[in-house]
Amino acid sequence: KDDKKAGVEDKNWAEDMDDTFESKSAPDEVKEFFTHLDDLEARKAVFVMMDGTVSEPVGAKDLANAANEADGAIAIVYNGTISDKTLDIASEAAIETVVGTKAGKGYGDRDDVKSWLAEVHR
């Protein structure tokens, strides 16, 4: 009776689900990007270039300008929360990978930018 009132047919629906949730594991090159998080101050980002070099750290407020100037960048590694805005910045600068600590406002999977979170994928 209460199930119907709540609009739920079966309150035990979760029992039918698998016990484990497995997130896709990060590829080796992305795991390497996570190591850059260890050296970054909070709310700072670096750009990883095609040749493997890493830029000087930039603050969150300078991220958009720095991303647009970072020719040859293949990833943004940000020691902070990845939001929809962070993914927009990467997309506009044609940077295909974003690595951060955790999901933030508006975060979600996208076709143009792959994102990886330390709390999930590390």
C-alpha atoms as a PDB file:
ATOM      1  CA  LYS A   1       0.000   0.000   0.000  1.00  0.00           C
ATOM      2  CA  ASP A   2       2.733   2.512   0.922  1.00  0.00           C
ATOM      3  CA  ASP A   3       4.686   1.527  -2.194  1.00  0.00           C
ATOM      4  CA  LYS A   4       1.762   2.530  -4.398  1.00  0.00           C
ATOM      5  CA  LYS A   5       1.386   5.842  -2.547  1.00  0.00           C
ATOM      6  CA  ALA A   6       5.060   6.627  -3.124  1.00  0.00           C
ATOM      7  CA  GLY A   7       4.702   5.738  -6.793  1.00  0.00           C
ATOM      8  CA  VAL A   8       7.009   2.754  -6.404  1.00  0.00           C
ATOM      9  CA  GLU A   9       5.842  -0.699  -7.419  1.00  0.00           C
ATOM     10  CA  ASP A  10       8.347  -2.645  -5.368  1.00  0.00           C
ATOM     11  CA  LYS A  11      10.282  -1.170  -2.451  1.00  0.00           C
ATOM     12  CA  ASN A  12      12.796  -4.023  -2.729  1.00  0.00           C
ATOM     13  CA  TRP A  13      13.858  -3.080  -6.270  1.00  0.00           C
ATOM     14  CA  ALA A  14      17.468  -2.586  -5.200  1.00  0.00           C
ATOM     15  CA  GLU A  15      17.798  -6.244  -4.221  1.00  0.00           C
ATOM     16  CA  ASP A  16      17.608  -7.220  -7.890  1.00  0.00           C
ATOM     17  CA  MET A  17      20.608  -5.072  -8.778  1.00  0.00           C
ATOM     18  CA  ASP A  18      24.202  -6.251  -8.874  1.00  0.00           C
ATOM     19  CA  ASP A  19      26.112  -5.742  -5.655  1.00  0.00           C
ATOM     20  CA  THR A  20      29.057  -4.020  -7.248  1.00  0.00           C
ATOM     21  CA  PHE A  21      29.355  -0.905  -9.305  1.00  0.00           C
ATOM     22  CA  GLU A  22      32.528  -0.839 -11.324  1.00  0.00           C
ATOM     23  CA  SER A  23      33.652   2.355 -12.937  1.00  0.00           C
ATOM     24  CA  LYS A  24      35.717   2.033 -16.057  1.00  0.00           C
ATOM     25  CA  SER A  25      39.373   2.062 -15.174  1.00  0.00           C
ATOM     26  CA  ALA A  26      41.583   4.805 -16.466  1.00  0.00           C
ATOM     27  CA  PRO A  27      44.042   4.024 -19.276  1.00  0.00           C
ATOM     28  CA  ASP A  28      47.735   4.006 -18.317  1.00  0.00           C
ATOM     29  CA  GLU A  29      48.400   7.421 -19.866  1.00  0.00           C
ATOM     30  CA  VAL A  30      45.613   8.916 -17.726  1.00  0.00           C
ATOM     31  CA  LYS A  31      46.938   7.176 -14.600  1.00  0.00           C
ATOM     32  CA  GLU A  32      50.192   8.972 -15.304  1.00  0.00           C
ATOM     33  CA  PHE A  33      48.311  12.300 -15.346  1.00  0.00           C
ATOM     34  CA  PHE A  34      47.064  11.600 -11.806  1.00  0.00           C
ATOM     35  CA  THR A  35      50.662  11.789 -10.546  1.00  0.00           C
ATOM     36  CA  HIS A  36      50.684  15.505 -11.428  1.00  0.00           C
ATOM     37  CA  LEU A  37      47.876  16.087  -8.905  1.00  0.00           C
ATOM     38  CA  ASP A  38      50.241  15.207  -6.059  1.00  0.00           C
ATOM     39  CA  ASP A  39      52.480  18.200  -6.789  1.00  0.00           C
ATOM     40  CA  LEU A  40      49.727  20.764  -7.351  1.00  0.00           C
ATOM     41  CA  GLU A  41      48.376  23.235  -4.829  1.00  0.00           C
ATOM     42  CA  ALA A  42      44.607  23.201  -4.367  1.00  0.00           C
ATOM     43  CA  ARG A  43      42.680  24.883  -7.209  1.00  0.00           C
ATOM     44  CA  LYS A  44      45.693  24.948  -9.515  1.00  0.00           C
ATOM     45  CA  ALA A  45      45.979  23.300 -12.909  1.00  0.00           C
ATOM     46  CA  VAL A  46      48.717  22.245 -15.303  1.00  0.00           C
ATOM     47  CA  PHE A  47      48.536  21.397 -18.981  1.00  0.00           C
ATOM     48  CA  VAL A  48      50.117  18.203 -20.259  1.00  0.00           C
ATOM     49  CA  MET A  49      51.546  18.674 -23.745  1.00  0.00           C
ATOM     50  CA  MET A  50      51.808  16.154 -26.594  1.00  0.00           C
ATOM     51  CA  ASP A  51      55.499  15.632 -25.880  1.00  0.00           C
ATOM     52  CA  GLY A  52      54.789  14.822 -22.224  1.00  0.00           C
ATOM     53  CA  THR A  53      56.008  18.116 -20.800  1.00  0.00           C
ATOM     54  CA  VAL A  54      53.906  19.934 -18.224  1.00  0.00           C
ATOM     55  CA  SER A  55      53.146  23.659 -18.051  1.00  0.00           C
ATOM     56  CA  GLU A  56      53.609  25.937 -15.072  1.00  0.00           C
ATOM     57  CA  PRO A  57      50.612  25.794 -12.706  1.00  0.00           C
ATOM     58  CA  VAL A  58      47.773  28.270 -13.294  1.00  0.00           C
ATOM     59  CA  GLY A  59      44.940  29.287 -10.995  1.00  0.00           C
ATOM     60  CA  ALA A  60      41.287  28.519 -11.630  1.00  0.00           C
ATOM     61  CA  LYS A  61      40.449  32.080 -12.697  1.00  0.00           C
ATOM     62  CA  ASP A  62      43.180  32.029 -15.368  1.00  0.00           C
ATOM     63  CA  LEU A  63      42.316  28.551 -16.650  1.00  0.00           C
ATOM     64  CA  ALA A  64      40.244  29.628 -19.681  1.00  0.00           C
ATOM     65  CA  ASN A  65      42.867  32.070 -21.009  1.00  0.00           C
ATOM     66  CA  ALA A  66      45.717  29.667 -20.335  1.00  0.00           C
ATOM     67  CA  ALA A  67      43.856  26.809 -22.049  1.00  0.00           C
ATOM     68  CA  ASN A  68      43.330  28.865 -25.196  1.00  0.00           C
ATOM     69  CA  GLU A  69      47.042  29.711 -25.283  1.00  0.00           C
ATOM     70  CA  ALA A  70      48.249  26.174 -24.513  1.00  0.00           C
ATOM     71  CA  ASP A  71      48.980  25.001 -28.056  1.00  0.00           C
ATOM     72  CA  GLY A  72      49.661  21.286 -28.132  1.00  0.00           C
ATOM     73  CA  ALA A  73      47.983  20.564 -24.794  1.00  0.00           C
ATOM     74  CA  ILE A  74      46.353  17.137 -24.602  1.00  0.00           C
ATOM     75  CA  ALA A  75      45.148  17.280 -20.999  1.00  0.00           C
ATOM     76  CA  ILE A  76      44.237  19.602 -18.156  1.00  0.00           C
ATOM     77  CA  VAL A  77      45.157  18.268 -14.712  1.00  0.00           C
ATOM     78  CA  TYR A  78      43.273  20.268 -12.078  1.00  0.00           C
ATOM     79  CA  ASN A  79      43.625  19.837  -8.326  1.00  0.00           C
ATOM     80  CA  GLY A  80      40.008  20.617  -7.655  1.00  0.00           C
ATOM     81  CA  THR A  81      36.411  19.871  -8.504  1.00  0.00           C
ATOM     82  CA  ILE A  82      35.619  19.359 -12.191  1.00  0.00           C
ATOM     83  CA  SER A  83      32.505  21.283 -13.191  1.00  0.00           C
ATOM     84  CA  ASP A  84      30.632  21.721 -16.443  1.00  0.00           C
ATOM     85  CA  LYS A  85      32.517  25.009 -16.882  1.00  0.00           C
ATOM     86  CA  THR A  86      35.880  23.229 -16.638  1.00  0.00           C
ATOM     87  CA  LEU A  87      34.765  20.799 -19.345  1.00  0.00           C
ATOM     88  CA  ASP A  88      33.558  23.731 -21.499  1.00  0.00           C
ATOM     89  CA  ILE A  89      36.983  25.369 -21.197  1.00  0.00           C
ATOM     90  CA  ALA A  90      38.675  22.146 -22.323  1.00  0.00           C
ATOM     91  CA  SER A  91      36.218  21.717 -25.188  1.00  0.00           C
ATOM     92  CA  GLU A  92      36.684  25.276 -26.470  1.00  0.00           C
ATOM     93  CA  ALA A  93      40.471  24.844 -26.380  1.00  0.00           C
ATOM     94  CA  ALA A  94      40.254  21.413 -28.114  1.00  0.00           C
ATOM     95  CA  ILE A  95      41.809  19.673 -25.101  1.00  0.00           C
ATOM     96  CA  GLU A  96      40.387  16.155 -25.009  1.00  0.00           C
ATOM     97  CA  THR A  97      41.209  15.027 -21.464  1.00  0.00           C
ATOM     98  CA  VAL A  98      40.502  16.562 -18.059  1.00  0.00           C
ATOM     99  CA  VAL A  99      41.730  15.046 -14.800  1.00  0.00           C
ATOM    100  CA  GLY A 100      40.504  16.360 -11.456  1.00  0.00           C
ATOM    101  CA  THR A 101      39.773  15.341  -7.911  1.00  0.00           C
ATOM    102  CA  LYS A 102      35.979  14.965  -7.957  1.00  0.00           C
ATOM    103  CA  ALA A 103      32.764  15.848  -9.780  1.00  0.00           C
ATOM    104  CA  GLY A 104      31.291  19.306  -9.342  1.00  0.00           C
ATOM    105  CA  LYS A 105      28.338  21.373 -10.517  1.00  0.00           C
ATOM    106  CA  GLY A 106      26.929  20.252 -13.852  1.00  0.00           C
ATOM    107  CA  TYR A 107      29.561  17.529 -14.269  1.00  0.00           C
ATOM    108  CA  GLY A 108      28.705  14.745 -16.689  1.00  0.00           C
ATOM    109  CA  ASP A 109      30.023  12.535 -19.456  1.00  0.00           C
ATOM    110  CA  ARG A 110      30.603  14.299 -22.748  1.00  0.00           C
ATOM    111  CA  ASP A 111      31.511  13.214 -26.253  1.00  0.00           C
ATOM    112  CA  ASP A 112      34.175  15.851 -26.889  1.00  0.00           C
ATOM    113  CA  VAL A 113      36.061  15.756 -23.572  1.00  0.00           C
ATOM    114  CA  LYS A 114      36.951  12.667 -21.528  1.00  0.00           C
ATOM    115  CA  SER A 115      37.177  13.316 -17.812  1.00  0.00           C
ATOM    116  CA  TRP A 116      38.686  11.271 -15.026  1.00  0.00           C
ATOM    117  CA  LEU A 117      38.284  11.795 -11.293  1.00  0.00           C
ATOM    118  CA  ALA A 118      40.824  10.882  -8.622  1.00  0.00           C
ATOM    119  CA  GLU A 119      38.073   9.813  -6.206  1.00  0.00           C
ATOM    120  CA  VAL A 120      36.689   7.346  -8.776  1.00  0.00           C
ATOM    121  CA  HIS A 121      39.443   6.300 -11.175  1.00  0.00           C
ATOM    122  CA  ARG A 122      42.677   6.529  -9.205  1.00  0.00           C
END
